[in-house]
Amino acid sequence: TPKNIFDVKLAARLLGMGTNYSLSELVQNLCGVHLS
């Protein structure tokens, strides 16, 4: 039963960051890296 989880997609949604909150979009917007 996993404990102490941090879901970056959920966090980004709570903060209103991005549009579709895909991992590739978050990496592009927050890390400046294109993720194929």
PDB file of all heavy atoms in Angstrom:
ATOM      1  N   THR A   1       0.871  -1.165   0.000  1.00  0.00           N
ATOM      2  CA  THR A   1       0.000   0.000   0.000  1.00  0.00           C
ATOM      3  C   THR A   1       0.908   1.215   0.000  1.00  0.00           C
ATOM      4  O   THR A   1       1.450   1.598   1.046  1.00  0.00           O
ATOM      5  CB  THR A   1      -0.916   0.031   1.238  1.00  0.00           C
ATOM      6  OG1 THR A   1      -1.742  -1.136   1.245  1.00  0.00           O
ATOM      7  CG2 THR A   1      -1.805   1.270   1.213  1.00  0.00           C
ATOM      8  N   PRO A   2       1.143   1.819  -1.155  1.00  0.00           N
ATOM      9  CA  PRO A   2       2.123   2.915  -1.249  1.00  0.00           C
ATOM     10  C   PRO A   2       1.781   4.088  -0.332  1.00  0.00           C
ATOM     11  O   PRO A   2       0.615   4.397  -0.115  1.00  0.00           O
ATOM     12  CB  PRO A   2       2.047   3.320  -2.730  1.00  0.00           C
ATOM     13  CG  PRO A   2       1.585   2.076  -3.432  1.00  0.00           C
ATOM     14  CD  PRO A   2       0.603   1.452  -2.469  1.00  0.00           C
ATOM     15  N   LYS A   3       2.807   4.715   0.177  1.00  0.00           N
ATOM     16  CA  LYS A   3       2.672   5.879   1.056  1.00  0.00           C
ATOM     17  C   LYS A   3       3.563   7.009   0.557  1.00  0.00           C
ATOM     18  O   LYS A   3       4.575   6.785  -0.087  1.00  0.00           O
ATOM     19  CB  LYS A   3       3.080   5.524   2.491  1.00  0.00           C
ATOM     20  CG  LYS A   3       2.230   4.454   3.168  1.00  0.00           C
ATOM     21  CD  LYS A   3       0.852   4.975   3.516  1.00  0.00           C
ATOM     22  CE  LYS A   3       0.094   4.012   4.431  1.00  0.00           C
ATOM     23  NZ  LYS A   3      -0.114   2.681   3.842  1.00  0.00           N
ATOM     24  N   ASN A   4       3.180   8.236   0.902  1.00  0.00           N
ATOM     25  CA  ASN A   4       3.941   9.449   0.578  1.00  0.00           C
ATOM     26  C   ASN A   4       4.171   9.568  -0.928  1.00  0.00           C
ATOM     27  O   ASN A   4       5.302   9.513  -1.415  1.00  0.00           O
ATOM     28  CB  ASN A   4       5.275   9.477   1.330  1.00  0.00           C
ATOM     29  CG  ASN A   4       5.872  10.880   1.355  1.00  0.00           C
ATOM     30  OD1 ASN A   4       5.341  11.818   0.762  1.00  0.00           O
ATOM     31  ND2 ASN A   4       6.994  11.020   2.050  1.00  0.00           N
ATOM     32  N   ILE A   5       3.076   9.754  -1.636  1.00  0.00           N
ATOM     33  CA  ILE A   5       3.099   9.865  -3.098  1.00  0.00           C
ATOM     34  C   ILE A   5       3.035  11.331  -3.497  1.00  0.00           C
ATOM     35  O   ILE A   5       2.313  12.123  -2.892  1.00  0.00           O
ATOM     36  CB  ILE A   5       1.901   9.110  -3.728  1.00  0.00           C
ATOM     37  CG1 ILE A   5       1.902   7.642  -3.281  1.00  0.00           C
ATOM     38  CG2 ILE A   5       1.916   9.228  -5.240  1.00  0.00           C
ATOM     39  CD1 ILE A   5       3.133   6.870  -3.666  1.00  0.00           C
ATOM     40  N   PHE A   6       3.777  11.681  -4.533  1.00  0.00           N
ATOM     41  CA  PHE A   6       3.679  13.015  -5.124  1.00  0.00           C
ATOM     42  C   PHE A   6       3.417  12.828  -6.605  1.00  0.00           C
ATOM     43  O   PHE A   6       4.285  12.377  -7.351  1.00  0.00           O
ATOM     44  CB  PHE A   6       4.953  13.837  -4.906  1.00  0.00           C
ATOM     45  CG  PHE A   6       4.798  15.287  -5.274  1.00  0.00           C
ATOM     46  CD1 PHE A   6       4.470  16.220  -4.312  1.00  0.00           C
ATOM     47  CD2 PHE A   6       4.956  15.717  -6.587  1.00  0.00           C
ATOM     48  CE1 PHE A   6       4.311  17.568  -4.634  1.00  0.00           C
ATOM     49  CE2 PHE A   6       4.808  17.053  -6.922  1.00  0.00           C
ATOM     50  CZ  PHE A   6       4.474  17.982  -5.944  1.00  0.00           C
ATOM     51  N   ASP A   7       2.204  13.183  -7.026  1.00  0.00           N
ATOM     52  CA  ASP A   7       1.797  13.059  -8.427  1.00  0.00           C
ATOM     53  C   ASP A   7       1.982  14.420  -9.097  1.00  0.00           C
ATOM     54  O   ASP A   7       1.251  15.370  -8.796  1.00  0.00           O
ATOM     55  CB  ASP A   7       0.331  12.617  -8.492  1.00  0.00           C
ATOM     56  CG  ASP A   7      -0.176  12.373  -9.904  1.00  0.00           C
ATOM     57  OD1 ASP A   7       0.441  12.884 -10.863  1.00  0.00           O
ATOM     58  OD2 ASP A   7      -1.186  11.669 -10.062  1.00  0.00           O
ATOM     59  N   VAL A   8       2.945  14.520  -9.994  1.00  0.00           N
ATOM     60  CA  VAL A   8       3.253  15.823 -10.599  1.00  0.00           C
ATOM     61  C   VAL A   8       2.110  16.326 -11.488  1.00  0.00           C
ATOM     62  O   VAL A   8       1.910  17.540 -11.615  1.00  0.00           O
ATOM     63  CB  VAL A   8       4.579  15.785 -11.397  1.00  0.00           C
ATOM     64  CG1 VAL A   8       5.751  15.458 -10.482  1.00  0.00           C
ATOM     65  CG2 VAL A   8       4.509  14.809 -12.558  1.00  0.00           C
ATOM     66  N   LYS A   9       1.365  15.411 -12.106  1.00  0.00           N
ATOM     67  CA  LYS A   9       0.239  15.857 -12.926  1.00  0.00           C
ATOM     68  C   LYS A   9      -0.845  16.470 -12.054  1.00  0.00           C
ATOM     69  O   LYS A   9      -1.384  17.541 -12.367  1.00  0.00           O
ATOM     70  CB  LYS A   9      -0.339  14.687 -13.726  1.00  0.00           C
ATOM     71  CG  LYS A   9      -1.550  15.076 -14.570  1.00  0.00           C
ATOM     72  CD  LYS A   9      -2.076  13.920 -15.409  1.00  0.00           C
ATOM     73  CE  LYS A   9      -3.284  14.343 -16.236  1.00  0.00           C
ATOM     74  NZ  LYS A   9      -3.782  13.250 -17.108  1.00  0.00           N
ATOM     75  N   LEU A  10      -1.165  15.814 -10.967  1.00  0.00           N
ATOM     76  CA  LEU A  10      -2.175  16.328 -10.051  1.00  0.00           C
ATOM     77  C   LEU A  10      -1.739  17.660  -9.460  1.00  0.00           C
ATOM     78  O   LEU A  10      -2.535  18.603  -9.351  1.00  0.00           O
ATOM     79  CB  LEU A  10      -2.431  15.303  -8.944  1.00  0.00           C
ATOM     80  CG  LEU A  10      -3.463  15.665  -7.883  1.00  0.00           C
ATOM     81  CD1 LEU A  10      -4.802  16.022  -8.518  1.00  0.00           C
ATOM     82  CD2 LEU A  10      -3.618  14.518  -6.892  1.00  0.00           C
ATOM     83  N   ALA A  11      -0.466  17.755  -9.103  1.00  0.00           N
ATOM     84  CA  ALA A  11       0.048  19.007  -8.549  1.00  0.00           C
ATOM     85  C   ALA A  11      -0.043  20.135  -9.570  1.00  0.00           C
ATOM     86  O   ALA A  11      -0.445  21.263  -9.242  1.00  0.00           O
ATOM     87  CB  ALA A  11       1.505  18.817  -8.107  1.00  0.00           C
ATOM     88  N   ALA A  12       0.305  19.848 -10.821  1.00  0.00           N
ATOM     89  CA  ALA A  12       0.238  20.870 -11.870  1.00  0.00           C
ATOM     90  C   ALA A  12      -1.202  21.322 -12.098  1.00  0.00           C
ATOM     91  O   ALA A  12      -1.461  22.506 -12.344  1.00  0.00           O
ATOM     92  CB  ALA A  12       0.835  20.325 -13.169  1.00  0.00           C
ATOM     93  N   ARG A  13      -2.138  20.398 -12.006  1.00  0.00           N
ATOM     94  CA  ARG A  13      -3.552  20.769 -12.158  1.00  0.00           C
ATOM     95  C   ARG A  13      -3.999  21.670 -11.009  1.00  0.00           C
ATOM     96  O   ARG A  13      -4.728  22.644 -11.216  1.00  0.00           O
ATOM     97  CB  ARG A  13      -4.430  19.515 -12.195  1.00  0.00           C
ATOM     98  CG  ARG A  13      -4.254  18.653 -13.443  1.00  0.00           C
ATOM     99  CD  ARG A  13      -5.185  17.462 -13.394  1.00  0.00           C
ATOM    100  NE  ARG A  13      -6.580  17.855 -13.537  1.00  0.00           N
ATOM    101  CZ  ARG A  13      -7.614  17.102 -13.154  1.00  0.00           C
ATOM    102  NH1 ARG A  13      -7.412  15.932 -12.569  1.00  0.00           N
ATOM    103  NH2 ARG A  13      -8.853  17.537 -13.329  1.00  0.00           N
ATOM    104  N   LEU A  14      -3.578  21.351  -9.800  1.00  0.00           N
ATOM    105  CA  LEU A  14      -3.951  22.167  -8.644  1.00  0.00           C
ATOM    106  C   LEU A  14      -3.381  23.571  -8.733  1.00  0.00           C
ATOM    107  O   LEU A  14      -3.935  24.518  -8.176  1.00  0.00           O
ATOM    108  CB  LEU A  14      -3.455  21.501  -7.357  1.00  0.00           C
ATOM    109  CG  LEU A  14      -4.291  20.349  -6.800  1.00  0.00           C
ATOM    110  CD1 LEU A  14      -3.534  19.668  -5.678  1.00  0.00           C
ATOM    111  CD2 LEU A  14      -5.639  20.837  -6.311  1.00  0.00           C
ATOM    112  N   LEU A  15      -2.266  23.701  -9.452  1.00  0.00           N
ATOM    113  CA  LEU A  15      -1.611  25.003  -9.581  1.00  0.00           C
ATOM    114  C   LEU A  15      -1.969  25.703 -10.876  1.00  0.00           C
ATOM    115  O   LEU A  15      -1.504  26.819 -11.140  1.00  0.00           O
ATOM    116  CB  LEU A  15      -0.088  24.828  -9.488  1.00  0.00           C
ATOM    117  CG  LEU A  15       0.412  24.231  -8.162  1.00  0.00           C
ATOM    118  CD1 LEU A  15       1.896  23.900  -8.247  1.00  0.00           C
ATOM    119  CD2 LEU A  15       0.133  25.182  -7.016  1.00  0.00           C
ATOM    120  N   GLY A  16      -2.794  25.057 -11.709  1.00  0.00           N
ATOM    121  CA  GLY A  16      -3.204  25.673 -12.976  1.00  0.00           C
ATOM    122  C   GLY A  16      -2.060  25.854 -13.946  1.00  0.00           C
ATOM    123  O   GLY A  16      -2.043  26.818 -14.719  1.00  0.00           O
ATOM    124  N   MET A  17      -1.116  24.933 -13.958  1.00  0.00           N
ATOM    125  CA  MET A  17       0.054  25.053 -14.831  1.00  0.00           C
ATOM    126  C   MET A  17      -0.079  24.115 -16.032  1.00  0.00           C
ATOM    127  O   MET A  17      -0.217  22.915 -15.868  1.00  0.00           O
ATOM    128  CB  MET A  17       1.333  24.714 -14.056  1.00  0.00           C
ATOM    129  CG  MET A  17       1.551  25.610 -12.850  1.00  0.00           C
ATOM    130  SD  MET A  17       3.002  25.141 -11.878  1.00  0.00           S
ATOM    131  CE  MET A  17       4.320  25.540 -13.019  1.00  0.00           C
ATOM    132  N   GLY A  18      -0.026  24.686 -17.239  1.00  0.00           N
ATOM    133  CA  GLY A  18      -0.119  23.873 -18.438  1.00  0.00           C
ATOM    134  C   GLY A  18      -1.523  23.820 -18.988  1.00  0.00           C
ATOM    135  O   GLY A  18      -2.438  24.499 -18.510  1.00  0.00           O
ATOM    136  N   THR A  19      -1.703  22.985 -20.010  1.00  0.00           N
ATOM    137  CA  THR A  19      -3.020  22.847 -20.637  1.00  0.00           C
ATOM    138  C   THR A  19      -3.528  21.418 -20.562  1.00  0.00           C
ATOM    139  O   THR A  19      -4.615  21.162 -20.078  1.00  0.00           O
ATOM    140  CB  THR A  19      -2.965  23.301 -22.105  1.00  0.00           C
ATOM    141  OG1 THR A  19      -1.911  22.600 -22.782  1.00  0.00           O
ATOM    142  CG2 THR A  19      -2.713  24.802 -22.197  1.00  0.00           C
ATOM    143  N   ASN A  20      -2.714  20.458 -21.039  1.00  0.00           N
ATOM    144  CA  ASN A  20      -3.174  19.072 -20.938  1.00  0.00           C
ATOM    145  C   ASN A  20      -2.408  18.276 -19.885  1.00  0.00           C
ATOM    146  O   ASN A  20      -2.739  17.134 -19.610  1.00  0.00           O
ATOM    147  CB  ASN A  20      -3.084  18.357 -22.291  1.00  0.00           C
ATOM    148  CG  ASN A  20      -1.658  18.233 -22.811  1.00  0.00           C
ATOM    149  OD1 ASN A  20      -0.696  18.294 -22.053  1.00  0.00           O
ATOM    150  ND2 ASN A  20      -1.519  18.063 -24.108  1.00  0.00           N
ATOM    151  N   TYR A  21      -1.362  18.862 -19.295  1.00  0.00           N
ATOM    152  CA  TYR A  21      -0.639  18.286 -18.164  1.00  0.00           C
ATOM    153  C   TYR A  21       0.017  16.939 -18.483  1.00  0.00           C
ATOM    154  O   TYR A  21       0.270  16.126 -17.593  1.00  0.00           O
ATOM    155  CB  TYR A  21      -1.557  18.129 -16.943  1.00  0.00           C
ATOM    156  CG  TYR A  21      -2.241  19.420 -16.566  1.00  0.00           C
ATOM    157  CD1 TYR A  21      -3.581  19.639 -16.877  1.00  0.00           C
ATOM    158  CD2 TYR A  21      -1.536  20.431 -15.926  1.00  0.00           C
ATOM    159  CE1 TYR A  21      -4.204  20.830 -16.554  1.00  0.00           C
ATOM    160  CE2 TYR A  21      -2.149  21.631 -15.594  1.00  0.00           C
ATOM    161  CZ  TYR A  21      -3.484  21.826 -15.913  1.00  0.00           C
ATOM    162  OH  TYR A  21      -4.092  23.005 -15.589  1.00  0.00           O
ATOM    163  N   SER A  22       0.279  16.664 -19.762  1.00  0.00           N
ATOM    164  CA  SER A  22       1.012  15.454 -20.107  1.00  0.00           C
ATOM    165  C   SER A  22       2.441  15.569 -19.593  1.00  0.00           C
ATOM    166  O   SER A  22       2.938  16.677 -19.340  1.00  0.00           O
ATOM    167  CB  SER A  22       1.027  15.241 -21.619  1.00  0.00           C
ATOM    168  OG  SER A  22       1.788  16.257 -22.260  1.00  0.00           O
ATOM    169  N   LEU A  23       3.109  14.430 -19.436  1.00  0.00           N
ATOM    170  CA  LEU A  23       4.485  14.471 -18.957  1.00  0.00           C
ATOM    171  C   LEU A  23       5.375  15.236 -19.931  1.00  0.00           C
ATOM    172  O   LEU A  23       6.222  16.042 -19.513  1.00  0.00           O
ATOM    173  CB  LEU A  23       5.023  13.047 -18.768  1.00  0.00           C
ATOM    174  CG  LEU A  23       6.478  12.943 -18.301  1.00  0.00           C
ATOM    175  CD1 LEU A  23       6.675  13.662 -16.974  1.00  0.00           C
ATOM    176  CD2 LEU A  23       6.906  11.484 -18.189  1.00  0.00           C
ATOM    177  N   SER A  24       5.179  15.014 -21.227  1.00  0.00           N
ATOM    178  CA  SER A  24       6.014  15.706 -22.216  1.00  0.00           C
ATOM    179  C   SER A  24       5.814  17.211 -22.138  1.00  0.00           C
ATOM    180  O   SER A  24       6.774  17.984 -22.265  1.00  0.00           O
ATOM    181  CB  SER A  24       5.703  15.200 -23.628  1.00  0.00           C
ATOM    182  OG  SER A  24       4.336  15.363 -23.948  1.00  0.00           O
ATOM    183  N   GLU A  25       4.566  17.659 -21.882  1.00  0.00           N
ATOM    184  CA  GLU A  25       4.323  19.095 -21.768  1.00  0.00           C
ATOM    185  C   GLU A  25       4.978  19.658 -20.510  1.00  0.00           C
ATOM    186  O   GLU A  25       5.590  20.738 -20.544  1.00  0.00           O
ATOM    187  CB  GLU A  25       2.829  19.400 -21.738  1.00  0.00           C
ATOM    188  CG  GLU A  25       2.549  20.898 -21.644  1.00  0.00           C
ATOM    189  CD  GLU A  25       1.082  21.234 -21.533  1.00  0.00           C
ATOM    190  OE1 GLU A  25       0.509  20.955 -20.464  1.00  0.00           O
ATOM    191  OE2 GLU A  25       0.517  21.745 -22.503  1.00  0.00           O
ATOM    192  N   LEU A  26       4.873  18.947 -19.393  1.00  0.00           N
ATOM    193  CA  LEU A  26       5.487  19.430 -18.155  1.00  0.00           C
ATOM    194  C   LEU A  26       7.013  19.487 -18.274  1.00  0.00           C
ATOM    195  O   LEU A  26       7.644  20.443 -17.811  1.00  0.00           O
ATOM    196  CB  LEU A  26       5.083  18.527 -16.984  1.00  0.00           C
ATOM    197  CG  LEU A  26       3.617  18.612 -16.541  1.00  0.00           C
ATOM    198  CD1 LEU A  26       3.338  17.616 -15.429  1.00  0.00           C
ATOM    199  CD2 LEU A  26       3.253  20.020 -16.096  1.00  0.00           C
ATOM    200  N   VAL A  27       7.592  18.460 -18.891  1.00  0.00           N
ATOM    201  CA  VAL A  27       9.042  18.464 -19.081  1.00  0.00           C
ATOM    202  C   VAL A  27       9.460  19.623 -19.984  1.00  0.00           C
ATOM    203  O   VAL A  27      10.455  20.305 -19.730  1.00  0.00           O
ATOM    204  CB  VAL A  27       9.516  17.110 -19.661  1.00  0.00           C
ATOM    205  CG1 VAL A  27      10.991  17.176 -20.052  1.00  0.00           C
ATOM    206  CG2 VAL A  27       9.300  15.986 -18.649  1.00  0.00           C
ATOM    207  N   GLN A  28       8.676  19.865 -21.035  1.00  0.00           N
ATOM    208  CA  GLN A  28       8.988  20.961 -21.957  1.00  0.00           C
ATOM    209  C   GLN A  28       8.875  22.316 -21.247  1.00  0.00           C
ATOM    210  O   GLN A  28       9.779  23.158 -21.344  1.00  0.00           O
ATOM    211  CB  GLN A  28       8.033  20.911 -23.155  1.00  0.00           C
ATOM    212  CG  GLN A  28       8.231  22.019 -24.174  1.00  0.00           C
ATOM    213  CD  GLN A  28       9.501  21.839 -24.986  1.00  0.00           C
ATOM    214  OE1 GLN A  28       9.716  20.801 -25.577  1.00  0.00           O
ATOM    215  NE2 GLN A  28      10.344  22.858 -25.024  1.00  0.00           N
ATOM    216  N   ASN A  29       7.765  22.514 -20.531  1.00  0.00           N
ATOM    217  CA  ASN A  29       7.503  23.816 -19.919  1.00  0.00           C
ATOM    218  C   ASN A  29       8.358  24.093 -18.688  1.00  0.00           C
ATOM    219  O   ASN A  29       8.763  25.242 -18.448  1.00  0.00           O
ATOM    220  CB  ASN A  29       6.028  23.927 -19.545  1.00  0.00           C
ATOM    221  CG  ASN A  29       5.127  23.988 -20.758  1.00  0.00           C
ATOM    222  OD1 ASN A  29       5.584  24.193 -21.877  1.00  0.00           O
ATOM    223  ND2 ASN A  29       3.831  23.791 -20.546  1.00  0.00           N
ATOM    224  N   LEU A  30       8.632  23.062 -17.896  1.00  0.00           N
ATOM    225  CA  LEU A  30       9.312  23.281 -16.618  1.00  0.00           C
ATOM    226  C   LEU A  30      10.804  22.956 -16.652  1.00  0.00           C
ATOM    227  O   LEU A  30      11.557  23.436 -15.806  1.00  0.00           O
ATOM    228  CB  LEU A  30       8.638  22.462 -15.520  1.00  0.00           C
ATOM    229  CG  LEU A  30       7.135  22.714 -15.328  1.00  0.00           C
ATOM    230  CD1 LEU A  30       6.610  21.911 -14.156  1.00  0.00           C
ATOM    231  CD2 LEU A  30       6.839  24.194 -15.144  1.00  0.00           C
ATOM    232  N   CYS A  31      11.213  22.129 -17.625  1.00  0.00           N
ATOM    233  CA  CYS A  31      12.626  21.741 -17.706  1.00  0.00           C
ATOM    234  C   CYS A  31      13.275  22.173 -19.015  1.00  0.00           C
ATOM    235  O   CYS A  31      14.499  22.054 -19.167  1.00  0.00           O
ATOM    236  CB  CYS A  31      12.770  20.227 -17.548  1.00  0.00           C
ATOM    237  SG  CYS A  31      12.015  19.558 -16.055  1.00  0.00           S
ATOM    238  N   GLY A  32      12.464  22.642 -19.981  1.00  0.00           N
ATOM    239  CA  GLY A  32      13.003  23.082 -21.255  1.00  0.00           C
ATOM    240  C   GLY A  32      13.550  21.961 -22.115  1.00  0.00           C
ATOM    241  O   GLY A  32      14.459  22.164 -22.919  1.00  0.00           O
ATOM    242  N   VAL A  33      13.004  20.751 -21.967  1.00  0.00           N
ATOM    243  CA  VAL A  33      13.487  19.577 -22.704  1.00  0.00           C
ATOM    244  C   VAL A  33      12.334  18.972 -23.488  1.00  0.00           C
ATOM    245  O   VAL A  33      11.229  18.816 -22.960  1.00  0.00           O
ATOM    246  CB  VAL A  33      14.077  18.521 -21.741  1.00  0.00           C
ATOM    247  CG1 VAL A  33      14.488  17.257 -22.512  1.00  0.00           C
ATOM    248  CG2 VAL A  33      15.261  19.097 -20.980  1.00  0.00           C
ATOM    249  N   HIS A  34      12.595  18.625 -24.754  1.00  0.00           N
ATOM    250  CA  HIS A  34      11.586  17.939 -25.565  1.00  0.00           C
ATOM    251  C   HIS A  34      11.654  16.445 -25.280  1.00  0.00           C
ATOM    252  O   HIS A  34      12.711  15.829 -25.385  1.00  0.00           O
ATOM    253  CB  HIS A  34      11.805  18.190 -27.058  1.00  0.00           C
ATOM    254  CG  HIS A  34      10.883  17.380 -27.933  1.00  0.00           C
ATOM    255  ND1 HIS A  34       9.522  17.616 -27.998  1.00  0.00           N
ATOM    256  CD2 HIS A  34      11.137  16.325 -28.759  1.00  0.00           C
ATOM    257  CE1 HIS A  34       8.980  16.747 -28.826  1.00  0.00           C
ATOM    258  NE2 HIS A  34       9.924  15.958 -29.298  1.00  0.00           N
ATOM    259  N   LEU A  35      10.525  15.863 -24.913  1.00  0.00           N
ATOM    260  CA  LEU A  35      10.456  14.446 -24.561  1.00  0.00           C
ATOM    261  C   LEU A  35       9.653  13.713 -25.635  1.00  0.00           C
ATOM    262  O   LEU A  35       8.443  13.885 -25.748  1.00  0.00           O
ATOM    263  CB  LEU A  35       9.774  14.289 -23.195  1.00  0.00           C
ATOM    264  CG  LEU A  35      10.063  13.021 -22.392  1.00  0.00           C
ATOM    265  CD1 LEU A  35      11.534  12.935 -22.039  1.00  0.00           C
ATOM    266  CD2 LEU A  35       9.217  13.017 -21.130  1.00  0.00           C
ATOM    267  N   SER A  36      10.316  12.895 -26.420  1.00  0.00           N
ATOM    268  CA  SER A  36       9.631  12.138 -27.460  1.00  0.00           C
ATOM    269  C   SER A  36       8.826  10.998 -26.852  1.00  0.00           C
ATOM    270  O   SER A  36       9.278  10.326 -25.914  1.00  0.00           O
ATOM    271  CB  SER A  36      10.654  11.548 -28.453  1.00  0.00           C
ATOM    272  OG  SER A  36      10.007  10.659 -29.355  1.00  0.00           O
TER     273      SER A  36
END
